[in-house]
């Protein structure tokens, strides 16, 4: 008997950031590091 995983991929191409039209961001933490509150110094 075959499992569903034999036929379907783990992640489809439209289930990614690029699939949703977003640009690829290799450094995802940079956004959060740049936008820290002023009182965090």
PDB file of N, CA and C in Angstrom:
ATOM      1  N   UNK A   1       0.847  -1.180   0.000  1.00  0.00           N
ATOM      2  CA  UNK A   1       0.000   0.000   0.000  1.00  0.00           C
ATOM      3  C   UNK A   1       0.890   1.239   0.000  1.00  0.00           C
ATOM      4  N   UNK A   2       0.453   2.271  -0.684  1.00  0.00           N
ATOM      5  CA  UNK A   2       1.233   3.502  -0.817  1.00  0.00           C
ATOM      6  C   UNK A   2       0.754   4.555   0.164  1.00  0.00           C
ATOM      7  N   UNK A   3       1.684   5.356   0.651  1.00  0.00           N
ATOM      8  CA  UNK A   3       1.366   6.464   1.548  1.00  0.00           C
ATOM      9  C   UNK A   3       1.229   7.739   0.722  1.00  0.00           C
ATOM     10  N   UNK A   4       0.548   8.717   1.272  1.00  0.00           N
ATOM     11  CA  UNK A   4       0.363   9.992   0.591  1.00  0.00           C
ATOM     12  C   UNK A   4       1.711  10.641   0.307  1.00  0.00           C
ATOM     13  N   UNK A   5       2.669  10.480   1.213  1.00  0.00           N
ATOM     14  CA  UNK A   5       3.992  11.085   1.031  1.00  0.00           C
ATOM     15  C   UNK A   5       4.726  10.523  -0.186  1.00  0.00           C
ATOM     16  N   UNK A   6       4.299   9.368  -0.688  1.00  0.00           N
ATOM     17  CA  UNK A   6       4.914   8.811  -1.892  1.00  0.00           C
ATOM     18  C   UNK A   6       4.537   9.621  -3.130  1.00  0.00           C
ATOM     19  N   UNK A   7       3.420  10.332  -3.069  1.00  0.00           N
ATOM     20  CA  UNK A   7       2.912  11.062  -4.221  1.00  0.00           C
ATOM     21  C   UNK A   7       3.068  12.573  -4.097  1.00  0.00           C
ATOM     22  N   UNK A   8       2.991  13.095  -2.895  1.00  0.00           N
ATOM     23  CA  UNK A   8       3.012  14.539  -2.688  1.00  0.00           C
ATOM     24  C   UNK A   8       4.335  14.982  -2.083  1.00  0.00           C
ATOM     25  N   UNK A   9       4.849  16.128  -2.520  1.00  0.00           N
ATOM     26  CA  UNK A   9       6.090  16.635  -1.919  1.00  0.00           C
ATOM     27  C   UNK A   9       5.837  17.164  -0.516  1.00  0.00           C
ATOM     28  N   UNK A  10       6.913  17.312   0.254  1.00  0.00           N
ATOM     29  CA  UNK A  10       6.800  17.864   1.607  1.00  0.00           C
ATOM     30  C   UNK A  10       6.271  19.292   1.571  1.00  0.00           C
ATOM     31  N   UNK A  11       6.778  20.093   0.622  1.00  0.00           N
ATOM     32  CA  UNK A  11       6.371  21.487   0.511  1.00  0.00           C
ATOM     33  C   UNK A  11       6.241  21.813  -0.973  1.00  0.00           C
ATOM     34  N   UNK A  12       5.139  22.430  -1.341  1.00  0.00           N
ATOM     35  CA  UNK A  12       4.943  22.801  -2.733  1.00  0.00           C
ATOM     36  C   UNK A  12       5.564  24.165  -2.999  1.00  0.00           C
ATOM     37  N   UNK A  13       5.722  24.494  -4.275  1.00  0.00           N
ATOM     38  CA  UNK A  13       6.375  25.750  -4.636  1.00  0.00           C
ATOM     39  C   UNK A  13       5.546  26.971  -4.247  1.00  0.00           C
ATOM     40  N   UNK A  14       4.220  26.818  -4.180  1.00  0.00           N
ATOM     41  CA  UNK A  14       3.396  27.966  -3.787  1.00  0.00           C
ATOM     42  C   UNK A  14       3.264  28.090  -2.271  1.00  0.00           C
ATOM     43  N   UNK A  15       3.915  27.214  -1.535  1.00  0.00           N
ATOM     44  CA  UNK A  15       3.896  27.264  -0.075  1.00  0.00           C
ATOM     45  C   UNK A  15       5.198  27.862   0.456  1.00  0.00           C
ATOM     46  N   UNK A  16       5.851  28.670  -0.356  1.00  0.00           N
ATOM     47  CA  UNK A  16       7.102  29.319   0.030  1.00  0.00           C
ATOM     48  C   UNK A  16       6.929  30.832  -0.064  1.00  0.00           C
ATOM     49  N   UNK A  17       7.907  31.569   0.433  1.00  0.00           N
ATOM     50  CA  UNK A  17       7.859  33.027   0.318  1.00  0.00           C
ATOM     51  C   UNK A  17       7.843  33.461  -1.139  1.00  0.00           C
ATOM     52  N   UNK A  18       8.650  32.803  -1.965  1.00  0.00           N
ATOM     53  CA  UNK A  18       8.682  33.142  -3.386  1.00  0.00           C
ATOM     54  C   UNK A  18       7.349  32.819  -4.056  1.00  0.00           C
ATOM     55  N   UNK A  19       6.705  31.760  -3.634  1.00  0.00           N
ATOM     56  CA  UNK A  19       5.407  31.393  -4.181  1.00  0.00           C
ATOM     57  C   UNK A  19       4.327  32.411  -3.861  1.00  0.00           C
ATOM     58  N   UNK A  20       4.463  33.109  -2.759  1.00  0.00           N
ATOM     59  CA  UNK A  20       3.515  34.150  -2.362  1.00  0.00           C
ATOM     60  C   UNK A  20       3.903  35.511  -2.933  1.00  0.00           C
ATOM     61  N   UNK A  21       4.995  35.569  -3.689  1.00  0.00           N
ATOM     62  CA  UNK A  21       5.402  36.815  -4.319  1.00  0.00           C
ATOM     63  C   UNK A  21       6.378  37.634  -3.503  1.00  0.00           C
ATOM     64  N   UNK A  22       6.849  37.088  -2.396  1.00  0.00           N
ATOM     65  CA  UNK A  22       7.824  37.798  -1.576  1.00  0.00           C
ATOM     66  C   UNK A  22       9.222  37.534  -2.114  1.00  0.00           C
ATOM     67  N   UNK A  23      10.113  38.467  -1.830  1.00  0.00           N
ATOM     68  CA  UNK A  23      11.497  38.278  -2.237  1.00  0.00           C
ATOM     69  C   UNK A  23      12.196  37.379  -1.226  1.00  0.00           C
ATOM     70  N   UNK A  24      13.203  36.699  -1.697  1.00  0.00           N
ATOM     71  CA  UNK A  24      13.977  35.827  -0.819  1.00  0.00           C
ATOM     72  C   UNK A  24      14.848  36.684   0.095  1.00  0.00           C
ATOM     73  N   UNK A  25      14.829  36.368   1.359  1.00  0.00           N
ATOM     74  CA  UNK A  25      15.611  37.112   2.336  1.00  0.00           C
ATOM     75  C   UNK A  25      16.537  36.137   3.049  1.00  0.00           C
ATOM     76  N   UNK A  26      17.812  36.200   2.698  1.00  0.00           N
ATOM     77  CA  UNK A  26      18.776  35.269   3.289  1.00  0.00           C
ATOM     78  C   UNK A  26      19.063  35.587   4.748  1.00  0.00           C
ATOM     79  N   UNK A  27      18.910  36.860   5.135  1.00  0.00           N
ATOM     80  CA  UNK A  27      19.172  37.267   6.509  1.00  0.00           C
ATOM     81  C   UNK A  27      17.864  37.762   7.130  1.00  0.00           C
ATOM     82  N   UNK A  28      17.006  36.839   7.511  1.00  0.00           N
ATOM     83  CA  UNK A  28      15.686  37.193   8.026  1.00  0.00           C
ATOM     84  C   UNK A  28      15.766  37.915   9.370  1.00  0.00           C
ATOM     85  N   UNK A  29      16.819  37.718  10.120  1.00  0.00           N
ATOM     86  CA  UNK A  29      16.951  38.358  11.426  1.00  0.00           C
ATOM     87  C   UNK A  29      17.293  39.841  11.320  1.00  0.00           C
ATOM     88  N   UNK A  30      17.813  40.281  10.184  1.00  0.00           N
ATOM     89  CA  UNK A  30      18.219  41.681  10.025  1.00  0.00           C
ATOM     90  C   UNK A  30      17.039  42.620  10.219  1.00  0.00           C
ATOM     91  N   UNK A  31      15.861  42.242   9.756  1.00  0.00           N
ATOM     92  CA  UNK A  31      14.672  43.080   9.924  1.00  0.00           C
ATOM     93  C   UNK A  31      14.403  43.339  11.401  1.00  0.00           C
ATOM     94  N   UNK A  32      14.470  42.306  12.207  1.00  0.00           N
ATOM     95  CA  UNK A  32      14.171  42.447  13.632  1.00  0.00           C
ATOM     96  C   UNK A  32      15.289  43.174  14.377  1.00  0.00           C
ATOM     97  N   UNK A  33      16.526  42.968  13.967  1.00  0.00           N
ATOM     98  CA  UNK A  33      17.635  43.659  14.609  1.00  0.00           C
ATOM     99  C   UNK A  33      17.633  45.150  14.286  1.00  0.00           C
ATOM    100  N   UNK A  34      17.214  45.512  13.081  1.00  0.00           N
ATOM    101  CA  UNK A  34      17.167  46.910  12.681  1.00  0.00           C
ATOM    102  C   UNK A  34      15.982  47.646  13.288  1.00  0.00           C
ATOM    103  N   UNK A  35      14.935  46.958  13.647  1.00  0.00           N
ATOM    104  CA  UNK A  35      13.703  47.577  14.131  1.00  0.00           C
ATOM    105  C   UNK A  35      13.480  47.382  15.621  1.00  0.00           C
ATOM    106  N   UNK A  36      14.552  47.346  16.382  1.00  0.00           N
ATOM    107  CA  UNK A  36      14.386  47.200  17.831  1.00  0.00           C
ATOM    108  C   UNK A  36      14.014  48.549  18.435  1.00  0.00           C
ATOM    109  N   UNK A  37      13.291  48.568  19.538  1.00  0.00           N
ATOM    110  CA  UNK A  37      12.858  49.810  20.173  1.00  0.00           C
ATOM    111  C   UNK A  37      14.047  50.653  20.635  1.00  0.00           C
ATOM    112  N   UNK A  38      13.879  51.982  20.674  1.00  0.00           N
ATOM    113  CA  UNK A  38      14.976  52.866  21.055  1.00  0.00           C
ATOM    114  C   UNK A  38      15.530  52.582  22.457  1.00  0.00           C
ATOM    115  N   UNK A  39      14.679  52.161  23.383  1.00  0.00           N
ATOM    116  CA  UNK A  39      15.152  51.918  24.742  1.00  0.00           C
ATOM    117  C   UNK A  39      15.989  50.648  24.862  1.00  0.00           C
ATOM    118  N   UNK A  40      16.126  49.892  23.773  1.00  0.00           N
ATOM    119  CA  UNK A  40      16.981  48.715  23.800  1.00  0.00           C
ATOM    120  C   UNK A  40      18.425  49.063  23.494  1.00  0.00           C
ATOM    121  N   UNK A  41      18.700  50.336  23.194  1.00  0.00           N
ATOM    122  CA  UNK A  41      20.059  50.825  23.004  1.00  0.00           C
ATOM    123  C   UNK A  41      20.619  50.464  21.742  1.00  0.00           C
TER     124      UNK A  41
END
